[in-house]
Amino acid sequence: MKKLLLVTLLLLVGCASKSVPVTQKFPTVPDELTTPCSDLKDIPENTDKLSVLAGTVVSNYSLYHDCKMQVDSWNEWYITQKKIFEEVK
């Protein structure tokens, strides 16, 4: 009986003396949101065709909208994760 009491006392003292720090880590960002946006295309020099100019402009608009969607997704992800992170505290 004395041994059981001693073992119980040692376990309680051992558990009480060690404090395990609990730290929260902010979630990692998905890879799709961290890739940099593509560079816009330049108009070739000595171009006198309006079709080449228009094609470059259309291509740049497309690249811009893809980049905008990526940045908007990043902002939405970050705001949502930060809100969840702060609610858990």
PDB file of N, CA and C in Angstrom:
ATOM      1  N   MET A   1       0.829  -1.189   0.000  1.00  0.00           N
ATOM      2  CA  MET A   1       0.000   0.000   0.000  1.00  0.00           C
ATOM      3  C   MET A   1       0.874   1.253   0.000  1.00  0.00           C
ATOM      4  N   LYS A   2       1.965   1.208   0.782  1.00  0.00           N
ATOM      5  CA  LYS A   2       2.863   2.362   0.847  1.00  0.00           C
ATOM      6  C   LYS A   2       3.528   2.602  -0.509  1.00  0.00           C
ATOM      7  N   LYS A   3       3.861   1.507  -1.199  1.00  0.00           N
ATOM      8  CA  LYS A   3       4.499   1.646  -2.513  1.00  0.00           C
ATOM      9  C   LYS A   3       3.542   2.265  -3.521  1.00  0.00           C
ATOM     10  N   LEU A   4       2.294   1.855  -3.471  1.00  0.00           N
ATOM     11  CA  LEU A   4       1.287   2.404  -4.372  1.00  0.00           C
ATOM     12  C   LEU A   4       1.087   3.892  -4.114  1.00  0.00           C
ATOM     13  N   LEU A   5       1.060   4.271  -2.849  1.00  0.00           N
ATOM     14  CA  LEU A   5       0.922   5.674  -2.484  1.00  0.00           C
ATOM     15  C   LEU A   5       2.141   6.465  -2.941  1.00  0.00           C
ATOM     16  N   LEU A   6       3.324   5.902  -2.792  1.00  0.00           N
ATOM     17  CA  LEU A   6       4.559   6.567  -3.209  1.00  0.00           C
ATOM     18  C   LEU A   6       4.609   6.733  -4.731  1.00  0.00           C
ATOM     19  N   VAL A   7       4.209   5.703  -5.474  1.00  0.00           N
ATOM     20  CA  VAL A   7       4.208   5.773  -6.931  1.00  0.00           C
ATOM     21  C   VAL A   7       3.194   6.816  -7.409  1.00  0.00           C
ATOM     22  N   THR A   8       2.026   6.842  -6.811  1.00  0.00           N
ATOM     23  CA  THR A   8       1.002   7.827  -7.163  1.00  0.00           C
ATOM     24  C   THR A   8       1.498   9.231  -6.885  1.00  0.00           C
ATOM     25  N   LEU A   9       2.128   9.409  -5.724  1.00  0.00           N
ATOM     26  CA  LEU A   9       2.662  10.726  -5.365  1.00  0.00           C
ATOM     27  C   LEU A   9       3.747  11.154  -6.346  1.00  0.00           C
ATOM     28  N   LEU A  10       4.627  10.255  -6.726  1.00  0.00           N
ATOM     29  CA  LEU A  10       5.684  10.588  -7.688  1.00  0.00           C
ATOM     30  C   LEU A  10       5.104  10.955  -9.050  1.00  0.00           C
ATOM     31  N   LEU A  11       4.083  10.233  -9.482  1.00  0.00           N
ATOM     32  CA  LEU A  11       3.460  10.547 -10.760  1.00  0.00           C
ATOM     33  C   LEU A  11       2.795  11.920 -10.735  1.00  0.00           C
ATOM     34  N   LEU A  12       2.124  12.221  -9.650  1.00  0.00           N
ATOM     35  CA  LEU A  12       1.457  13.520  -9.552  1.00  0.00           C
ATOM     36  C   LEU A  12       2.465  14.661  -9.495  1.00  0.00           C
ATOM     37  N   VAL A  13       3.541  14.476  -8.749  1.00  0.00           N
ATOM     38  CA  VAL A  13       4.568  15.514  -8.662  1.00  0.00           C
ATOM     39  C   VAL A  13       5.273  15.660 -10.001  1.00  0.00           C
ATOM     40  N   GLY A  14       5.524  14.547 -10.663  1.00  0.00           N
ATOM     41  CA  GLY A  14       6.186  14.592 -11.970  1.00  0.00           C
ATOM     42  C   GLY A  14       5.334  15.290 -13.011  1.00  0.00           C
ATOM     43  N   CYS A  15       4.045  15.044 -12.982  1.00  0.00           N
ATOM     44  CA  CYS A  15       3.152  15.687 -13.943  1.00  0.00           C
ATOM     45  C   CYS A  15       2.983  17.174 -13.642  1.00  0.00           C
ATOM     46  N   ALA A  16       2.988  17.513 -12.372  1.00  0.00           N
ATOM     47  CA  ALA A  16       2.774  18.910 -11.996  1.00  0.00           C
ATOM     48  C   ALA A  16       4.018  19.756 -12.228  1.00  0.00           C
ATOM     49  N   SER A  17       5.191  19.154 -12.137  1.00  0.00           N
ATOM     50  CA  SER A  17       6.412  19.951 -12.255  1.00  0.00           C
ATOM     51  C   SER A  17       6.779  20.254 -13.704  1.00  0.00           C
ATOM     52  N   LYS A  18       6.353  19.431 -14.626  1.00  0.00           N
ATOM     53  CA  LYS A  18       6.664  19.669 -16.031  1.00  0.00           C
ATOM     54  C   LYS A  18       5.485  20.356 -16.697  1.00  0.00           C
ATOM     55  N   SER A  19       5.748  21.517 -17.234  1.00  0.00           N
ATOM     56  CA  SER A  19       4.696  22.181 -17.994  1.00  0.00           C
ATOM     57  C   SER A  19       5.083  22.130 -19.465  1.00  0.00           C
ATOM     58  N   VAL A  20       4.175  21.691 -20.251  1.00  0.00           N
ATOM     59  CA  VAL A  20       4.412  21.568 -21.681  1.00  0.00           C
ATOM     60  C   VAL A  20       3.849  22.813 -22.349  1.00  0.00           C
ATOM     61  N   PRO A  21       4.713  23.610 -22.970  1.00  0.00           N
ATOM     62  CA  PRO A  21       4.194  24.813 -23.626  1.00  0.00           C
ATOM     63  C   PRO A  21       3.394  24.453 -24.879  1.00  0.00           C
ATOM     64  N   VAL A  22       2.263  25.064 -24.986  1.00  0.00           N
ATOM     65  CA  VAL A  22       1.417  24.843 -26.149  1.00  0.00           C
ATOM     66  C   VAL A  22       1.518  26.090 -27.018  1.00  0.00           C
ATOM     67  N   THR A  23       2.052  25.907 -28.210  1.00  0.00           N
ATOM     68  CA  THR A  23       2.178  27.039 -29.125  1.00  0.00           C
ATOM     69  C   THR A  23       1.375  26.752 -30.379  1.00  0.00           C
ATOM     70  N   GLN A  24       0.731  27.771 -30.836  1.00  0.00           N
ATOM     71  CA  GLN A  24      -0.034  27.644 -32.071  1.00  0.00           C
ATOM     72  C   GLN A  24       0.828  28.128 -33.221  1.00  0.00           C
ATOM     73  N   LYS A  25       0.724  27.434 -34.311  1.00  0.00           N
ATOM     74  CA  LYS A  25       1.450  27.839 -35.509  1.00  0.00           C
ATOM     75  C   LYS A  25       0.445  28.221 -36.580  1.00  0.00           C
ATOM     76  N   PHE A  26       0.736  29.328 -37.242  1.00  0.00           N
ATOM     77  CA  PHE A  26      -0.128  29.758 -38.331  1.00  0.00           C
ATOM     78  C   PHE A  26       0.030  28.778 -39.476  1.00  0.00           C
ATOM     79  N   PRO A  27      -1.057  28.390 -40.137  1.00  0.00           N
ATOM     80  CA  PRO A  27      -0.961  27.380 -41.199  1.00  0.00           C
ATOM     81  C   PRO A  27      -0.080  27.825 -42.362  1.00  0.00           C
ATOM     82  N   THR A  28       0.486  26.840 -43.038  1.00  0.00           N
ATOM     83  CA  THR A  28       1.329  27.145 -44.192  1.00  0.00           C
ATOM     84  C   THR A  28       0.472  27.475 -45.402  1.00  0.00           C
ATOM     85  N   VAL A  29       1.045  28.237 -46.275  1.00  0.00           N
ATOM     86  CA  VAL A  29       0.323  28.706 -47.463  1.00  0.00           C
ATOM     87  C   VAL A  29       0.358  27.631 -48.542  1.00  0.00           C
ATOM     88  N   PRO A  30      -0.762  27.384 -49.214  1.00  0.00           N
ATOM     89  CA  PRO A  30      -0.745  26.438 -50.335  1.00  0.00           C
ATOM     90  C   PRO A  30       0.187  26.921 -51.452  1.00  0.00           C
ATOM     91  N   ASP A  31       0.839  25.988 -52.111  1.00  0.00           N
ATOM     92  CA  ASP A  31       1.812  26.323 -53.159  1.00  0.00           C
ATOM     93  C   ASP A  31       1.190  27.096 -54.314  1.00  0.00           C
ATOM     94  N   GLU A  32      -0.070  26.833 -54.594  1.00  0.00           N
ATOM     95  CA  GLU A  32      -0.726  27.527 -55.715  1.00  0.00           C
ATOM     96  C   GLU A  32      -0.792  29.034 -55.480  1.00  0.00           C
ATOM     97  N   LEU A  33      -0.799  29.440 -54.216  1.00  0.00           N
ATOM     98  CA  LEU A  33      -0.937  30.861 -53.899  1.00  0.00           C
ATOM     99  C   LEU A  33       0.397  31.579 -53.767  1.00  0.00           C
ATOM    100  N   THR A  34       1.493  30.840 -53.768  1.00  0.00           N
ATOM    101  CA  THR A  34       2.798  31.474 -53.594  1.00  0.00           C
ATOM    102  C   THR A  34       3.593  31.611 -54.884  1.00  0.00           C
ATOM    103  N   THR A  35       3.095  31.065 -55.977  1.00  0.00           N
ATOM    104  CA  THR A  35       3.822  31.194 -57.235  1.00  0.00           C
ATOM    105  C   THR A  35       3.696  32.623 -57.751  1.00  0.00           C
ATOM    106  N   PRO A  36       4.785  33.191 -58.232  1.00  0.00           N
ATOM    107  CA  PRO A  36       4.725  34.579 -58.711  1.00  0.00           C
ATOM    108  C   PRO A  36       3.933  34.683 -60.015  1.00  0.00           C
ATOM    109  N   CYS A  37       3.410  35.854 -60.241  1.00  0.00           N
ATOM    110  CA  CYS A  37       2.655  36.109 -61.481  1.00  0.00           C
ATOM    111  C   CYS A  37       3.615  36.152 -62.670  1.00  0.00           C
ATOM    112  N   SER A  38       3.095  35.809 -63.823  1.00  0.00           N
ATOM    113  CA  SER A  38       3.894  35.844 -65.057  1.00  0.00           C
ATOM    114  C   SER A  38       4.177  37.289 -65.449  1.00  0.00           C
ATOM    115  N   ASP A  39       5.292  37.469 -66.135  1.00  0.00           N
ATOM    116  CA  ASP A  39       5.604  38.795 -66.670  1.00  0.00           C
ATOM    117  C   ASP A  39       4.700  39.093 -67.855  1.00  0.00           C
ATOM    118  N   LEU A  40       4.360  40.361 -68.010  1.00  0.00           N
ATOM    119  CA  LEU A  40       3.554  40.755 -69.161  1.00  0.00           C
ATOM    120  C   LEU A  40       4.419  40.703 -70.415  1.00  0.00           C
ATOM    121  N   LYS A  41       3.776  40.479 -71.541  1.00  0.00           N
ATOM    122  CA  LYS A  41       4.503  40.362 -72.807  1.00  0.00           C
ATOM    123  C   LYS A  41       4.733  41.751 -73.396  1.00  0.00           C
ATOM    124  N   ASP A  42       5.893  41.907 -74.008  1.00  0.00           N
ATOM    125  CA  ASP A  42       6.228  43.160 -74.692  1.00  0.00           C
ATOM    126  C   ASP A  42       5.792  43.084 -76.155  1.00  0.00           C
ATOM    127  N   ILE A  43       5.502  44.238 -76.680  1.00  0.00           N
ATOM    128  CA  ILE A  43       5.183  44.314 -78.110  1.00  0.00           C
ATOM    129  C   ILE A  43       6.501  44.223 -78.874  1.00  0.00           C
ATOM    130  N   PRO A  44       6.583  43.338 -79.865  1.00  0.00           N
ATOM    131  CA  PRO A  44       7.829  43.221 -80.624  1.00  0.00           C
ATOM    132  C   PRO A  44       8.194  44.554 -81.294  1.00  0.00           C
ATOM    133  N   GLU A  45       9.496  44.833 -81.331  1.00  0.00           N
ATOM    134  CA  GLU A  45       9.960  46.072 -81.975  1.00  0.00           C
ATOM    135  C   GLU A  45       9.707  45.998 -83.484  1.00  0.00           C
ATOM    136  N   ASN A  46       9.611  47.152 -84.081  1.00  0.00           N
ATOM    137  CA  ASN A  46       9.394  47.285 -85.523  1.00  0.00           C
ATOM    138  C   ASN A  46       8.112  46.575 -85.979  1.00  0.00           C
ATOM    139  N   THR A  47       7.096  46.605 -85.148  1.00  0.00           N
ATOM    140  CA  THR A  47       5.825  45.995 -85.522  1.00  0.00           C
ATOM    141  C   THR A  47       4.913  47.073 -86.087  1.00  0.00           C
ATOM    142  N   ASP A  48       4.419  46.817 -87.261  1.00  0.00           N
ATOM    143  CA  ASP A  48       3.497  47.779 -87.861  1.00  0.00           C
ATOM    144  C   ASP A  48       2.119  47.167 -88.080  1.00  0.00           C
ATOM    145  N   LYS A  49       1.910  45.973 -87.523  1.00  0.00           N
ATOM    146  CA  LYS A  49       0.615  45.315 -87.688  1.00  0.00           C
ATOM    147  C   LYS A  49      -0.225  45.530 -86.438  1.00  0.00           C
ATOM    148  N   LEU A  50      -1.430  45.956 -86.643  1.00  0.00           N
ATOM    149  CA  LEU A  50      -2.357  46.179 -85.542  1.00  0.00           C
ATOM    150  C   LEU A  50      -2.777  44.857 -84.903  1.00  0.00           C
ATOM    151  N   SER A  51      -2.795  43.775 -85.676  1.00  0.00           N
ATOM    152  CA  SER A  51      -3.195  42.471 -85.139  1.00  0.00           C
ATOM    153  C   SER A  51      -2.189  41.970 -84.089  1.00  0.00           C
ATOM    154  N   VAL A  52      -0.895  42.234 -84.310  1.00  0.00           N
ATOM    155  CA  VAL A  52       0.127  41.839 -83.338  1.00  0.00           C
ATOM    156  C   VAL A  52      -0.033  42.656 -82.060  1.00  0.00           C
ATOM    157  N   LEU A  53      -0.275  43.941 -82.204  1.00  0.00           N
ATOM    158  CA  LEU A  53      -0.497  44.820 -81.062  1.00  0.00           C
ATOM    159  C   LEU A  53      -1.726  44.369 -80.264  1.00  0.00           C
ATOM    160  N   ALA A  54      -2.818  44.110 -80.957  1.00  0.00           N
ATOM    161  CA  ALA A  54      -4.047  43.682 -80.293  1.00  0.00           C
ATOM    162  C   ALA A  54      -3.863  42.326 -79.611  1.00  0.00           C
ATOM    163  N   GLY A  55      -3.149  41.418 -80.261  1.00  0.00           N
ATOM    164  CA  GLY A  55      -2.894  40.098 -79.663  1.00  0.00           C
ATOM    165  C   GLY A  55      -2.090  40.200 -78.383  1.00  0.00           C
ATOM    166  N   THR A  56      -1.090  41.088 -78.370  1.00  0.00           N
ATOM    167  CA  THR A  56      -0.276  41.291 -77.173  1.00  0.00           C
ATOM    168  C   THR A  56      -1.109  41.893 -76.047  1.00  0.00           C
ATOM    169  N   VAL A  57      -1.959  42.861 -76.387  1.00  0.00           N
ATOM    170  CA  VAL A  57      -2.813  43.496 -75.372  1.00  0.00           C
ATOM    171  C   VAL A  57      -3.778  42.473 -74.775  1.00  0.00           C
ATOM    172  N   VAL A  58      -4.388  41.659 -75.619  1.00  0.00           N
ATOM    173  CA  VAL A  58      -5.323  40.633 -75.134  1.00  0.00           C
ATOM    174  C   VAL A  58      -4.593  39.631 -74.237  1.00  0.00           C
ATOM    175  N   SER A  59      -3.403  39.234 -74.653  1.00  0.00           N
ATOM    176  CA  SER A  59      -2.616  38.303 -73.851  1.00  0.00           C
ATOM    177  C   SER A  59      -2.270  38.902 -72.485  1.00  0.00           C
ATOM    178  N   ASN A  60      -1.894  40.181 -72.476  1.00  0.00           N
ATOM    179  CA  ASN A  60      -1.555  40.838 -71.212  1.00  0.00           C
ATOM    180  C   ASN A  60      -2.774  40.984 -70.302  1.00  0.00           C
ATOM    181  N   TYR A  61      -3.936  41.263 -70.886  1.00  0.00           N
ATOM    182  CA  TYR A  61      -5.155  41.322 -70.080  1.00  0.00           C
ATOM    183  C   TYR A  61      -5.439  39.964 -69.444  1.00  0.00           C
ATOM    184  N   SER A  62      -5.243  38.907 -70.195  1.00  0.00           N
ATOM    185  CA  SER A  62      -5.461  37.558 -69.673  1.00  0.00           C
ATOM    186  C   SER A  62      -4.497  37.259 -68.522  1.00  0.00           C
ATOM    187  N   LEU A  63      -3.220  37.606 -68.697  1.00  0.00           N
ATOM    188  CA  LEU A  63      -2.241  37.400 -67.628  1.00  0.00           C
ATOM    189  C   LEU A  63      -2.590  38.221 -66.388  1.00  0.00           C
ATOM    190  N   TYR A  64      -3.059  39.442 -66.618  1.00  0.00           N
ATOM    191  CA  TYR A  64      -3.446  40.297 -65.496  1.00  0.00           C
ATOM    192  C   TYR A  64      -4.601  39.674 -64.709  1.00  0.00           C
ATOM    193  N   HIS A  65      -5.619  39.212 -65.401  1.00  0.00           N
ATOM    194  CA  HIS A  65      -6.785  38.644 -64.715  1.00  0.00           C
ATOM    195  C   HIS A  65      -6.432  37.349 -63.977  1.00  0.00           C
ATOM    196  N   ASP A  66      -5.536  36.545 -64.542  1.00  0.00           N
ATOM    197  CA  ASP A  66      -5.068  35.354 -63.824  1.00  0.00           C
ATOM    198  C   ASP A  66      -4.336  35.746 -62.543  1.00  0.00           C
ATOM    199  N   CYS A  67      -3.484  36.759 -62.643  1.00  0.00           N
ATOM    200  CA  CYS A  67      -2.730  37.213 -61.474  1.00  0.00           C
ATOM    201  C   CYS A  67      -3.664  37.824 -60.432  1.00  0.00           C
ATOM    202  N   LYS A  68      -4.652  38.587 -60.884  1.00  0.00           N
ATOM    203  CA  LYS A  68      -5.614  39.195 -59.971  1.00  0.00           C
ATOM    204  C   LYS A  68      -6.390  38.121 -59.217  1.00  0.00           C
ATOM    205  N   MET A  69      -6.792  37.055 -59.920  1.00  0.00           N
ATOM    206  CA  MET A  69      -7.514  35.967 -59.281  1.00  0.00           C
ATOM    207  C   MET A  69      -6.634  35.295 -58.215  1.00  0.00           C
ATOM    208  N   GLN A  70      -5.360  35.136 -58.524  1.00  0.00           N
ATOM    209  CA  GLN A  70      -4.430  34.517 -57.579  1.00  0.00           C
ATOM    210  C   GLN A  70      -4.253  35.401 -56.344  1.00  0.00           C
ATOM    211  N   VAL A  71      -4.096  36.688 -56.533  1.00  0.00           N
ATOM    212  CA  VAL A  71      -3.924  37.602 -55.405  1.00  0.00           C
ATOM    213  C   VAL A  71      -5.201  37.673 -54.567  1.00  0.00           C
ATOM    214  N   ASP A  72      -6.344  37.713 -55.221  1.00  0.00           N
ATOM    215  CA  ASP A  72      -7.612  37.719 -54.487  1.00  0.00           C
ATOM    216  C   ASP A  72      -7.788  36.426 -53.685  1.00  0.00           C
ATOM    217  N   SER A  73      -7.392  35.297 -54.262  1.00  0.00           N
ATOM    218  CA  SER A  73      -7.463  34.016 -53.542  1.00  0.00           C
ATOM    219  C   SER A  73      -6.532  34.019 -52.345  1.00  0.00           C
ATOM    220  N   TRP A  74      -5.341  34.566 -52.524  1.00  0.00           N
ATOM    221  CA  TRP A  74      -4.382  34.667 -51.422  1.00  0.00           C
ATOM    222  C   TRP A  74      -4.974  35.513 -50.293  1.00  0.00           C
ATOM    223  N   ASN A  75      -5.533  36.669 -50.627  1.00  0.00           N
ATOM    224  CA  ASN A  75      -6.101  37.544 -49.598  1.00  0.00           C
ATOM    225  C   ASN A  75      -7.258  36.865 -48.869  1.00  0.00           C
ATOM    226  N   GLU A  76      -8.115  36.193 -49.607  1.00  0.00           N
ATOM    227  CA  GLU A  76      -9.243  35.483 -48.985  1.00  0.00           C
ATOM    228  C   GLU A  76      -8.733  34.381 -48.062  1.00  0.00           C
ATOM    229  N   TRP A  77      -7.746  33.605 -48.513  1.00  0.00           N
ATOM    230  CA  TRP A  77      -7.179  32.534 -47.705  1.00  0.00           C
ATOM    231  C   TRP A  77      -6.570  33.103 -46.430  1.00  0.00           C
ATOM    232  N   TYR A  78      -5.785  34.165 -46.563  1.00  0.00           N
ATOM    233  CA  TYR A  78      -5.103  34.737 -45.412  1.00  0.00           C
ATOM    234  C   TYR A  78      -6.094  35.277 -44.385  1.00  0.00           C
ATOM    235  N   ILE A  79      -7.103  36.011 -44.826  1.00  0.00           N
ATOM    236  CA  ILE A  79      -8.089  36.586 -43.911  1.00  0.00           C
ATOM    237  C   ILE A  79      -8.858  35.481 -43.193  1.00  0.00           C
ATOM    238  N   THR A  80      -9.244  34.444 -43.931  1.00  0.00           N
ATOM    239  CA  THR A  80      -9.971  33.328 -43.311  1.00  0.00           C
ATOM    240  C   THR A  80      -9.117  32.606 -42.289  1.00  0.00           C
ATOM    241  N   GLN A  81      -7.865  32.307 -42.644  1.00  0.00           N
ATOM    242  CA  GLN A  81      -6.985  31.590 -41.726  1.00  0.00           C
ATOM    243  C   GLN A  81      -6.663  32.430 -40.492  1.00  0.00           C
ATOM    244  N   LYS A  82      -6.455  33.717 -40.676  1.00  0.00           N
ATOM    245  CA  LYS A  82      -6.151  34.587 -39.538  1.00  0.00           C
ATOM    246  C   LYS A  82      -7.344  34.661 -38.598  1.00  0.00           C
ATOM    247  N   LYS A  83      -8.539  34.727 -39.149  1.00  0.00           N
ATOM    248  CA  LYS A  83      -9.760  34.773 -38.334  1.00  0.00           C
ATOM    249  C   LYS A  83      -9.897  33.491 -37.525  1.00  0.00           C
ATOM    250  N   ILE A  84      -9.692  32.352 -38.155  1.00  0.00           N
ATOM    251  CA  ILE A  84      -9.764  31.080 -37.452  1.00  0.00           C
ATOM    252  C   ILE A  84      -8.675  30.982 -36.390  1.00  0.00           C
ATOM    253  N   PHE A  85      -7.475  31.403 -36.714  1.00  0.00           N
ATOM    254  CA  PHE A  85      -6.337  31.359 -35.800  1.00  0.00           C
ATOM    255  C   PHE A  85      -6.602  32.187 -34.557  1.00  0.00           C
ATOM    256  N   GLU A  86      -7.175  33.376 -34.729  1.00  0.00           N
ATOM    257  CA  GLU A  86      -7.429  34.254 -33.592  1.00  0.00           C
ATOM    258  C   GLU A  86      -8.622  33.787 -32.769  1.00  0.00           C
ATOM    259  N   GLU A  87      -9.573  33.097 -33.372  1.00  0.00           N
ATOM    260  CA  GLU A  87     -10.717  32.577 -32.622  1.00  0.00           C
ATOM    261  C   GLU A  87     -10.301  31.437 -31.695  1.00  0.00           C
ATOM    262  N   VAL A  88      -9.273  30.698 -32.067  1.00  0.00           N
ATOM    263  CA  VAL A  88      -8.830  29.557 -31.284  1.00  0.00           C
ATOM    264  C   VAL A  88      -8.110  30.004 -30.016  1.00  0.00           C
ATOM    265  N   LYS A  89      -7.483  31.159 -30.040  1.00  0.00           N
ATOM    266  CA  LYS A  89      -6.716  31.638 -28.874  1.00  0.00           C
ATOM    267  C   LYS A  89      -7.529  31.750 -27.652  1.00  0.00           C
TER     268      LYS A  89
END
